[in-house]
């Protein structure tokens, strides 16, 4: 498993693609977002909660330095 992180300078958007399969996949899940404040990037992907409620899975990267970062993933209802 792993991830691919990309930054598009034209739109100032970040994209994170995650894979967890040993076999090739024609499409990877993608989270999209942007830097919301210094040393913090927030990304979203539309995804139902485990109980079926419509919403988003949010990834927040924080305490970002040249050497490391922390992150948290959580389901949120933006309704």
PDB file of N, CA and C in Angstrom:
ATOM      1  N   UNK A   1       0.839  -1.188   0.000  1.00  0.00           N
ATOM      2  CA  UNK A   1       0.000   0.000   0.000  1.00  0.00           C
ATOM      3  C   UNK A   1       0.879   1.244   0.000  1.00  0.00           C
ATOM      4  N   UNK A   2       0.299   2.355  -0.373  1.00  0.00           N
ATOM      5  CA  UNK A   2       1.037   3.604  -0.401  1.00  0.00           C
ATOM      6  C   UNK A   2       0.179   4.713  -0.955  1.00  0.00           C
ATOM      7  N   UNK A   3       0.817   5.842  -1.181  1.00  0.00           N
ATOM      8  CA  UNK A   3       0.085   6.983  -1.719  1.00  0.00           C
ATOM      9  C   UNK A   3       0.961   7.762  -2.681  1.00  0.00           C
ATOM     10  N   UNK A   4       0.293   8.494  -3.548  1.00  0.00           N
ATOM     11  CA  UNK A   4       0.956   9.393  -4.493  1.00  0.00           C
ATOM     12  C   UNK A   4       0.404  10.778  -4.194  1.00  0.00           C
ATOM     13  N   UNK A   5       1.289  11.722  -3.873  1.00  0.00           N
ATOM     14  CA  UNK A   5       0.866  13.089  -3.572  1.00  0.00           C
ATOM     15  C   UNK A   5       1.327  14.004  -4.691  1.00  0.00           C
ATOM     16  N   UNK A   6       0.393  14.807  -5.213  1.00  0.00           N
ATOM     17  CA  UNK A   6       0.697  15.705  -6.331  1.00  0.00           C
ATOM     18  C   UNK A   6       0.204  17.114  -6.015  1.00  0.00           C
ATOM     19  N   UNK A   7       0.959  18.114  -6.482  1.00  0.00           N
ATOM     20  CA  UNK A   7       0.553  19.512  -6.355  1.00  0.00           C
ATOM     21  C   UNK A   7       0.443  20.108  -7.744  1.00  0.00           C
ATOM     22  N   UNK A   8      -0.692  20.748  -8.034  1.00  0.00           N
ATOM     23  CA  UNK A   8      -0.902  21.428  -9.305  1.00  0.00           C
ATOM     24  C   UNK A   8      -0.707  22.923  -9.065  1.00  0.00           C
ATOM     25  N   UNK A   9       0.405  23.465  -9.524  1.00  0.00           N
ATOM     26  CA  UNK A   9       0.732  24.875  -9.287  1.00  0.00           C
ATOM     27  C   UNK A   9      -0.265  25.819  -9.954  1.00  0.00           C
ATOM     28  N   UNK A  10      -0.838  25.429 -11.091  1.00  0.00           N
ATOM     29  CA  UNK A  10      -1.793  26.294 -11.793  1.00  0.00           C
ATOM     30  C   UNK A  10      -3.060  26.549 -10.975  1.00  0.00           C
ATOM     31  N   UNK A  11      -3.540  25.523 -10.272  1.00  0.00           N
ATOM     32  CA  UNK A  11      -4.769  25.665  -9.487  1.00  0.00           C
ATOM     33  C   UNK A  11      -4.503  25.770  -7.985  1.00  0.00           C
ATOM     34  N   UNK A  12      -3.242  25.594  -7.574  1.00  0.00           N
ATOM     35  CA  UNK A  12      -2.853  25.566  -6.149  1.00  0.00           C
ATOM     36  C   UNK A  12      -3.592  24.467  -5.393  1.00  0.00           C
ATOM     37  N   UNK A  13      -3.910  23.377  -6.076  1.00  0.00           N
ATOM     38  CA  UNK A  13      -4.615  22.248  -5.470  1.00  0.00           C
ATOM     39  C   UNK A  13      -3.658  21.088  -5.223  1.00  0.00           C
ATOM     40  N   UNK A  14      -3.949  20.354  -4.153  1.00  0.00           N
ATOM     41  CA  UNK A  14      -3.231  19.127  -3.837  1.00  0.00           C
ATOM     42  C   UNK A  14      -4.126  17.946  -4.161  1.00  0.00           C
ATOM     43  N   UNK A  15      -3.511  16.838  -4.587  1.00  0.00           N
ATOM     44  CA  UNK A  15      -4.221  15.589  -4.861  1.00  0.00           C
ATOM     45  C   UNK A  15      -3.454  14.451  -4.196  1.00  0.00           C
ATOM     46  N   UNK A  16      -4.188  13.579  -3.507  1.00  0.00           N
ATOM     47  CA  UNK A  16      -3.586  12.393  -2.905  1.00  0.00           C
ATOM     48  C   UNK A  16      -4.324  11.186  -3.452  1.00  0.00           C
ATOM     49  N   UNK A  17      -3.576  10.259  -4.023  1.00  0.00           N
ATOM     50  CA  UNK A  17      -4.105   9.006  -4.559  1.00  0.00           C
ATOM     51  C   UNK A  17      -3.600   7.896  -3.646  1.00  0.00           C
ATOM     52  N   UNK A  18      -4.493   7.011  -3.204  1.00  0.00           N
ATOM     53  CA  UNK A  18      -4.119   5.947  -2.276  1.00  0.00           C
ATOM     54  C   UNK A  18      -4.347   4.588  -2.924  1.00  0.00           C
ATOM     55  N   UNK A  19      -3.411   3.684  -2.688  1.00  0.00           N
ATOM     56  CA  UNK A  19      -3.578   2.315  -3.181  1.00  0.00           C
ATOM     57  C   UNK A  19      -3.221   1.335  -2.073  1.00  0.00           C
ATOM     58  N   UNK A  20      -3.955   0.215  -2.037  1.00  0.00           N
ATOM     59  CA  UNK A  20      -3.737  -0.778  -0.991  1.00  0.00           C
ATOM     60  C   UNK A  20      -3.806  -2.197  -1.528  1.00  0.00           C
ATOM     61  N   UNK A  21      -3.724  -2.359  -2.814  1.00  0.00           N
ATOM     62  CA  UNK A  21      -3.874  -3.664  -3.431  1.00  0.00           C
ATOM     63  C   UNK A  21      -2.569  -4.104  -4.074  1.00  0.00           C
ATOM     64  N   UNK A  22      -2.317  -5.393  -4.022  1.00  0.00           N
ATOM     65  CA  UNK A  22      -1.120  -5.930  -4.674  1.00  0.00           C
ATOM     66  C   UNK A  22      -1.305  -5.997  -6.189  1.00  0.00           C
ATOM     67  N   UNK A  23      -2.564  -5.998  -6.638  1.00  0.00           N
ATOM     68  CA  UNK A  23      -2.820  -6.055  -8.077  1.00  0.00           C
ATOM     69  C   UNK A  23      -3.042  -4.650  -8.635  1.00  0.00           C
ATOM     70  N   UNK A  24      -2.865  -4.523  -9.939  1.00  0.00           N
ATOM     71  CA  UNK A  24      -3.037  -3.227 -10.601  1.00  0.00           C
ATOM     72  C   UNK A  24      -4.499  -2.792 -10.562  1.00  0.00           C
ATOM     73  N   UNK A  25      -4.719  -1.501 -10.387  1.00  0.00           N
ATOM     74  CA  UNK A  25      -6.065  -0.943 -10.364  1.00  0.00           C
ATOM     75  C   UNK A  25      -6.186   0.094 -11.479  1.00  0.00           C
ATOM     76  N   UNK A  26      -7.280   0.065 -12.262  1.00  0.00           N
ATOM     77  CA  UNK A  26      -7.421   1.040 -13.346  1.00  0.00           C
ATOM     78  C   UNK A  26      -7.707   2.456 -12.840  1.00  0.00           C
ATOM     79  N   UNK A  27      -8.191   2.575 -11.604  1.00  0.00           N
ATOM     80  CA  UNK A  27      -8.481   3.898 -11.036  1.00  0.00           C
ATOM     81  C   UNK A  27      -8.184   3.878  -9.543  1.00  0.00           C
ATOM     82  N   UNK A  28      -7.561   4.932  -9.060  1.00  0.00           N
ATOM     83  CA  UNK A  28      -7.236   5.042  -7.643  1.00  0.00           C
ATOM     84  C   UNK A  28      -8.144   6.070  -6.980  1.00  0.00           C
ATOM     85  N   UNK A  29      -8.509   5.848  -5.704  1.00  0.00           N
ATOM     86  CA  UNK A  29      -9.266   6.870  -4.991  1.00  0.00           C
ATOM     87  C   UNK A  29      -8.434   8.149  -4.908  1.00  0.00           C
ATOM     88  N   UNK A  30      -9.088   9.295  -5.002  1.00  0.00           N
ATOM     89  CA  UNK A  30      -8.348  10.559  -4.953  1.00  0.00           C
ATOM     90  C   UNK A  30      -9.042  11.541  -4.008  1.00  0.00           C
ATOM     91  N   UNK A  31      -8.241  12.195  -3.175  1.00  0.00           N
ATOM     92  CA  UNK A  31      -8.692  13.279  -2.315  1.00  0.00           C
ATOM     93  C   UNK A  31      -8.169  14.566  -2.920  1.00  0.00           C
ATOM     94  N   UNK A  32      -8.966  15.631  -2.872  1.00  0.00           N
ATOM     95  CA  UNK A  32      -8.583  16.910  -3.472  1.00  0.00           C
ATOM     96  C   UNK A  32      -8.765  18.020  -2.447  1.00  0.00           C
ATOM     97  N   UNK A  33      -7.823  18.956  -2.434  1.00  0.00           N
ATOM     98  CA  UNK A  33      -7.943  20.078  -1.516  1.00  0.00           C
ATOM     99  C   UNK A  33      -6.823  21.074  -1.681  1.00  0.00           C
ATOM    100  N   UNK A  34      -6.655  21.914  -0.679  1.00  0.00           N
ATOM    101  CA  UNK A  34      -5.644  22.962  -0.767  1.00  0.00           C
ATOM    102  C   UNK A  34      -5.122  23.318   0.617  1.00  0.00           C
ATOM    103  N   UNK A  35      -4.092  24.131   0.616  1.00  0.00           N
ATOM    104  CA  UNK A  35      -3.509  24.629   1.853  1.00  0.00           C
ATOM    105  C   UNK A  35      -4.489  25.628   2.452  1.00  0.00           C
ATOM    106  N   UNK A  36      -4.926  25.398   3.688  1.00  0.00           N
ATOM    107  CA  UNK A  36      -5.906  26.285   4.307  1.00  0.00           C
ATOM    108  C   UNK A  36      -5.260  27.296   5.246  1.00  0.00           C
ATOM    109  N   UNK A  37      -4.085  26.980   5.721  1.00  0.00           N
ATOM    110  CA  UNK A  37      -3.296  27.893   6.533  1.00  0.00           C
ATOM    111  C   UNK A  37      -1.862  27.383   6.524  1.00  0.00           C
ATOM    112  N   UNK A  38      -0.960  28.163   7.068  1.00  0.00           N
ATOM    113  CA  UNK A  38       0.447  27.760   7.070  1.00  0.00           C
ATOM    114  C   UNK A  38       0.596  26.389   7.731  1.00  0.00           C
ATOM    115  N   UNK A  39       1.295  25.484   7.078  1.00  0.00           N
ATOM    116  CA  UNK A  39       1.569  24.138   7.593  1.00  0.00           C
ATOM    117  C   UNK A  39       0.317  23.287   7.800  1.00  0.00           C
ATOM    118  N   UNK A  40      -0.746  23.513   7.002  1.00  0.00           N
ATOM    119  CA  UNK A  40      -1.955  22.690   7.101  1.00  0.00           C
ATOM    120  C   UNK A  40      -2.611  22.576   5.731  1.00  0.00           C
ATOM    121  N   UNK A  41      -2.840  21.331   5.293  1.00  0.00           N
ATOM    122  CA  UNK A  41      -3.496  21.048   4.018  1.00  0.00           C
ATOM    123  C   UNK A  41      -4.707  20.165   4.311  1.00  0.00           C
ATOM    124  N   UNK A  42      -5.865  20.522   3.750  1.00  0.00           N
ATOM    125  CA  UNK A  42      -7.091  19.753   3.968  1.00  0.00           C
ATOM    126  C   UNK A  42      -7.608  19.266   2.618  1.00  0.00           C
ATOM    127  N   UNK A  43      -7.871  17.950   2.535  1.00  0.00           N
ATOM    128  CA  UNK A  43      -8.335  17.308   1.306  1.00  0.00           C
ATOM    129  C   UNK A  43      -9.646  16.570   1.576  1.00  0.00           C
ATOM    130  N   UNK A  44     -10.506  16.481   0.553  1.00  0.00           N
ATOM    131  CA  UNK A  44     -11.796  15.795   0.693  1.00  0.00           C
ATOM    132  C   UNK A  44     -12.016  14.806  -0.442  1.00  0.00           C
ATOM    133  N   UNK A  45     -12.771  13.760  -0.111  1.00  0.00           N
ATOM    134  CA  UNK A  45     -13.234  12.783  -1.105  1.00  0.00           C
ATOM    135  C   UNK A  45     -14.657  12.400  -0.727  1.00  0.00           C
ATOM    136  N   UNK A  46     -15.586  12.519  -1.677  1.00  0.00           N
ATOM    137  CA  UNK A  46     -16.980  12.137  -1.400  1.00  0.00           C
ATOM    138  C   UNK A  46     -17.009  10.643  -1.081  1.00  0.00           C
ATOM    139  N   UNK A  47     -17.609  10.302   0.064  1.00  0.00           N
ATOM    140  CA  UNK A  47     -17.633   8.903   0.494  1.00  0.00           C
ATOM    141  C   UNK A  47     -18.707   8.738   1.566  1.00  0.00           C
ATOM    142  N   UNK A  48     -19.501   7.706   1.454  1.00  0.00           N
ATOM    143  CA  UNK A  48     -20.522   7.430   2.460  1.00  0.00           C
ATOM    144  C   UNK A  48     -19.870   6.956   3.755  1.00  0.00           C
ATOM    145  N   UNK A  49     -20.506   7.288   4.868  1.00  0.00           N
ATOM    146  CA  UNK A  49     -20.062   6.815   6.182  1.00  0.00           C
ATOM    147  C   UNK A  49     -20.351   5.320   6.285  1.00  0.00           C
ATOM    148  N   UNK A  50     -19.765   4.636   7.261  1.00  0.00           N
ATOM    149  CA  UNK A  50     -20.041   3.203   7.428  1.00  0.00           C
ATOM    150  C   UNK A  50     -21.534   2.882   7.574  1.00  0.00           C
ATOM    151  N   UNK A  51     -22.327   3.825   8.102  1.00  0.00           N
ATOM    152  CA  UNK A  51     -23.766   3.577   8.253  1.00  0.00           C
ATOM    153  C   UNK A  51     -24.565   3.964   7.010  1.00  0.00           C
ATOM    154  N   UNK A  52     -23.858   4.395   5.939  1.00  0.00           N
ATOM    155  CA  UNK A  52     -24.511   4.733   4.687  1.00  0.00           C
ATOM    156  C   UNK A  52     -24.836   6.205   4.503  1.00  0.00           C
ATOM    157  N   UNK A  53     -24.618   7.026   5.527  1.00  0.00           N
ATOM    158  CA  UNK A  53     -24.885   8.461   5.433  1.00  0.00           C
ATOM    159  C   UNK A  53     -23.955   9.099   4.412  1.00  0.00           C
ATOM    160  N   UNK A  54     -24.521   9.932   3.549  1.00  0.00           N
ATOM    161  CA  UNK A  54     -23.727  10.614   2.532  1.00  0.00           C
ATOM    162  C   UNK A  54     -22.822  11.653   3.188  1.00  0.00           C
ATOM    163  N   UNK A  55     -21.606  11.777   2.694  1.00  0.00           N
ATOM    164  CA  UNK A  55     -20.682  12.755   3.249  1.00  0.00           C
ATOM    165  C   UNK A  55     -19.334  12.691   2.566  1.00  0.00           C
ATOM    166  N   UNK A  56     -18.299  13.049   3.309  1.00  0.00           N
ATOM    167  CA  UNK A  56     -16.945  13.124   2.761  1.00  0.00           C
ATOM    168  C   UNK A  56     -15.950  12.511   3.732  1.00  0.00           C
ATOM    169  N   UNK A  57     -14.880  11.963   3.176  1.00  0.00           N
ATOM    170  CA  UNK A  57     -13.754  11.543   3.992  1.00  0.00           C
ATOM    171  C   UNK A  57     -12.714  12.646   3.871  1.00  0.00           C
ATOM    172  N   UNK A  58     -12.311  13.208   5.008  1.00  0.00           N
ATOM    173  CA  UNK A  58     -11.382  14.337   5.026  1.00  0.00           C
ATOM    174  C   UNK A  58     -10.015  13.874   5.517  1.00  0.00           C
ATOM    175  N   UNK A  59      -8.978  14.276   4.800  1.00  0.00           N
ATOM    176  CA  UNK A  59      -7.595  14.081   5.230  1.00  0.00           C
ATOM    177  C   UNK A  59      -7.027  15.446   5.583  1.00  0.00           C
ATOM    178  N   UNK A  60      -6.465  15.568   6.774  1.00  0.00           N
ATOM    179  CA  UNK A  60      -5.836  16.817   7.199  1.00  0.00           C
ATOM    180  C   UNK A  60      -4.370  16.541   7.485  1.00  0.00           C
ATOM    181  N   UNK A  61      -3.500  17.217   6.761  1.00  0.00           N
ATOM    182  CA  UNK A  61      -2.053  17.146   6.976  1.00  0.00           C
ATOM    183  C   UNK A  61      -1.658  18.397   7.751  1.00  0.00           C
ATOM    184  N   UNK A  62      -0.893  18.229   8.837  1.00  0.00           N
ATOM    185  CA  UNK A  62      -0.536  19.371   9.679  1.00  0.00           C
ATOM    186  C   UNK A  62       0.875  19.188  10.247  1.00  0.00           C
ATOM    187  N   UNK A  63       1.378  20.251  10.887  1.00  0.00           N
ATOM    188  CA  UNK A  63       2.753  20.255  11.403  1.00  0.00           C
ATOM    189  C   UNK A  63       3.717  19.801  10.308  1.00  0.00           C
ATOM    190  N   UNK A  64       3.569  20.397   9.133  1.00  0.00           N
ATOM    191  CA  UNK A  64       4.346  20.022   7.954  1.00  0.00           C
ATOM    192  C   UNK A  64       5.705  20.714   7.991  1.00  0.00           C
ATOM    193  N   UNK A  65       6.757  19.911   7.884  1.00  0.00           N
ATOM    194  CA  UNK A  65       8.115  20.446   7.771  1.00  0.00           C
ATOM    195  C   UNK A  65       8.778  19.777   6.575  1.00  0.00           C
ATOM    196  N   UNK A  66      10.011  20.144   6.294  1.00  0.00           N
ATOM    197  CA  UNK A  66      10.750  19.494   5.207  1.00  0.00           C
ATOM    198  C   UNK A  66      11.031  18.033   5.516  1.00  0.00           C
ATOM    199  N   UNK A  67      11.055  17.661   6.790  1.00  0.00           N
ATOM    200  CA  UNK A  67      11.400  16.297   7.193  1.00  0.00           C
ATOM    201  C   UNK A  67      10.204  15.400   7.505  1.00  0.00           C
ATOM    202  N   UNK A  68       9.061  15.981   7.876  1.00  0.00           N
ATOM    203  CA  UNK A  68       7.950  15.133   8.316  1.00  0.00           C
ATOM    204  C   UNK A  68       6.621  15.888   8.281  1.00  0.00           C
ATOM    205  N   UNK A  69       5.554  15.150   8.567  1.00  0.00           N
ATOM    206  CA  UNK A  69       4.218  15.733   8.719  1.00  0.00           C
ATOM    207  C   UNK A  69       3.374  14.768   9.532  1.00  0.00           C
ATOM    208  N   UNK A  70       2.296  15.267  10.093  1.00  0.00           N
ATOM    209  CA  UNK A  70       1.295  14.446  10.760  1.00  0.00           C
ATOM    210  C   UNK A  70       0.019  14.523   9.931  1.00  0.00           C
ATOM    211  N   UNK A  71      -0.840  13.535  10.079  1.00  0.00           N
ATOM    212  CA  UNK A  71      -2.099  13.573   9.353  1.00  0.00           C
ATOM    213  C   UNK A  71      -3.170  12.825  10.129  1.00  0.00           C
ATOM    214  N   UNK A  72      -4.417  13.184   9.840  1.00  0.00           N
ATOM    215  CA  UNK A  72      -5.568  12.504  10.421  1.00  0.00           C
ATOM    216  C   UNK A  72      -6.618  12.361   9.325  1.00  0.00           C
ATOM    217  N   UNK A  73      -7.291  11.211   9.310  1.00  0.00           N
ATOM    218  CA  UNK A  73      -8.377  10.967   8.373  1.00  0.00           C
ATOM    219  C   UNK A  73      -9.670  10.795   9.146  1.00  0.00           C
ATOM    220  N   UNK A  74     -10.752  11.415   8.665  1.00  0.00           N
ATOM    221  CA  UNK A  74     -12.022  11.323   9.376  1.00  0.00           C
ATOM    222  C   UNK A  74     -13.180  11.558   8.415  1.00  0.00           C
ATOM    223  N   UNK A  75     -14.321  10.907   8.696  1.00  0.00           N
ATOM    224  CA  UNK A  75     -15.517  11.127   7.902  1.00  0.00           C
ATOM    225  C   UNK A  75     -16.215  12.365   8.438  1.00  0.00           C
ATOM    226  N   UNK A  76     -16.712  13.217   7.527  1.00  0.00           N
ATOM    227  CA  UNK A  76     -17.416  14.433   7.939  1.00  0.00           C
ATOM    228  C   UNK A  76     -18.672  14.622   7.099  1.00  0.00           C
ATOM    229  N   UNK A  77     -19.665  15.244   7.699  1.00  0.00           N
ATOM    230  CA  UNK A  77     -20.899  15.620   7.014  1.00  0.00           C
ATOM    231  C   UNK A  77     -20.833  17.116   6.765  1.00  0.00           C
ATOM    232  N   UNK A  78     -20.692  17.517   5.514  1.00  0.00           N
ATOM    233  CA  UNK A  78     -20.575  18.933   5.186  1.00  0.00           C
ATOM    234  C   UNK A  78     -21.922  19.563   4.864  1.00  0.00           C
ATOM    235  N   UNK A  79     -23.010  18.787   5.059  1.00  0.00           N
ATOM    236  CA  UNK A  79     -24.351  19.242   4.722  1.00  0.00           C
ATOM    237  C   UNK A  79     -24.790  20.392   5.538  1.00  0.00           C
TER     238      UNK A  79
END
